[in-house]
């Protein structure tokens, strides 16, 4: 008798189930919405990292290189 009730319990728990007793189509809709939210969040993070990288490559490195170049020129050709 115990095995029969255990089998029925497993059958009733089968299928897609995500918290809040979501089953079937509602669970799939929830997962799709959750996936879109995650996609948007990681796209925002990715764009911020790309912006950071572009700022580093196009602003920080040229300024750092120009400062080094000016110091090198000043050391090579003293005006005094």
Protein backbone atom coordinates (compact mmCIF):
# COMPACT_ATOMS: atom_id res chain seq x y z
CA UNK A 1 0.00 0.00 0.00
CA UNK A 2 2.84 2.35 0.80
CA UNK A 3 4.41 1.91 -2.64
CA UNK A 4 1.15 2.72 -4.42
CA UNK A 5 0.67 5.96 -2.50
CA UNK A 6 4.34 6.88 -3.07
CA UNK A 7 3.90 6.34 -6.80
CA UNK A 8 0.79 8.52 -6.85
CA UNK A 9 2.61 11.23 -4.93
CA UNK A 10 5.46 11.16 -7.45
CA UNK A 11 2.98 11.33 -10.31
CA UNK A 12 1.23 14.32 -8.75
CA UNK A 13 4.57 16.09 -8.30
CA UNK A 14 5.65 15.44 -11.89
CA UNK A 15 5.82 18.07 -14.62
CA UNK A 16 7.12 21.58 -14.55
CA UNK A 17 6.78 23.12 -11.12
CA UNK A 18 8.30 26.40 -10.02
CA UNK A 19 7.53 27.92 -6.60
CA UNK A 20 4.11 29.40 -5.77
CA UNK A 21 2.44 26.21 -7.06
CA UNK A 22 2.99 27.10 -10.70
CA UNK A 23 2.42 24.19 -13.03
CA UNK A 24 1.99 23.70 -16.73
CA UNK A 25 1.56 26.77 -18.92
CA UNK A 26 1.70 29.26 -16.06
CA UNK A 27 5.09 27.89 -15.04
CA UNK A 28 6.41 28.25 -18.58
CA UNK A 29 5.12 31.84 -18.78
CA UNK A 30 6.79 32.59 -15.47
CA UNK A 31 10.07 31.07 -16.63
CA UNK A 32 9.96 33.06 -19.88
CA UNK A 33 9.29 36.31 -17.99
CA UNK A 34 12.06 35.48 -15.51
CA UNK A 35 14.40 34.72 -18.40
CA UNK A 36 13.67 38.06 -20.04
CA UNK A 37 14.35 39.90 -16.79
CA UNK A 38 17.66 38.06 -16.44
CA UNK A 39 18.51 38.79 -20.08
CA UNK A 40 17.84 42.51 -19.62
CA UNK A 41 19.89 42.63 -16.40
CA UNK A 42 22.92 40.94 -17.93
CA UNK A 43 22.66 43.07 -21.07
CA UNK A 44 22.81 46.17 -18.84
CA UNK A 45 25.83 44.78 -17.00
CA UNK A 46 27.52 43.88 -20.29
CA UNK A 47 26.96 47.35 -21.73
CA UNK A 48 28.40 48.93 -18.58
CA UNK A 49 31.49 46.73 -18.81
CA UNK A 50 31.89 47.60 -22.49
CA UNK A 51 31.55 51.29 -21.65
CA UNK A 52 34.18 50.93 -18.95
CA UNK A 53 36.53 49.16 -21.35
CA UNK A 54 36.03 51.76 -24.05
CA UNK A 55 36.66 54.57 -21.58
CA UNK A 56 39.85 52.85 -20.47
CA UNK A 57 41.12 52.25 -24.00
CA UNK A 58 40.08 55.55 -25.59
CA UNK A 59 40.63 57.98 -22.68
CA UNK A 60 42.86 56.63 -19.93
CA UNK A 61 45.52 54.91 -22.05
CA UNK A 62 46.06 57.81 -24.52
CA UNK A 63 46.33 60.33 -21.67
CA UNK A 64 48.78 58.06 -19.84
CA UNK A 65 50.78 57.58 -23.06
CA UNK A 66 50.83 61.33 -23.77
CA UNK A 67 52.12 62.07 -20.26
CA UNK A 68 54.89 59.49 -20.71
CA UNK A 69 55.74 60.93 -24.12
CA UNK A 70 55.95 64.49 -22.79
CA UNK A 71 58.17 63.36 -19.91
CA UNK A 72 60.43 61.50 -22.35
CA UNK A 73 60.69 64.54 -24.65
CA UNK A 74 61.40 66.82 -21.70
CA UNK A 75 64.19 64.51 -20.46
CA UNK A 76 65.76 64.18 -23.94
CA UNK A 77 65.70 67.87 -24.78
CA UNK A 78 66.32 69.99 -21.71
CA UNK A 79 65.53 73.64 -22.46
CA UNK A 80 67.70 75.13 -19.74
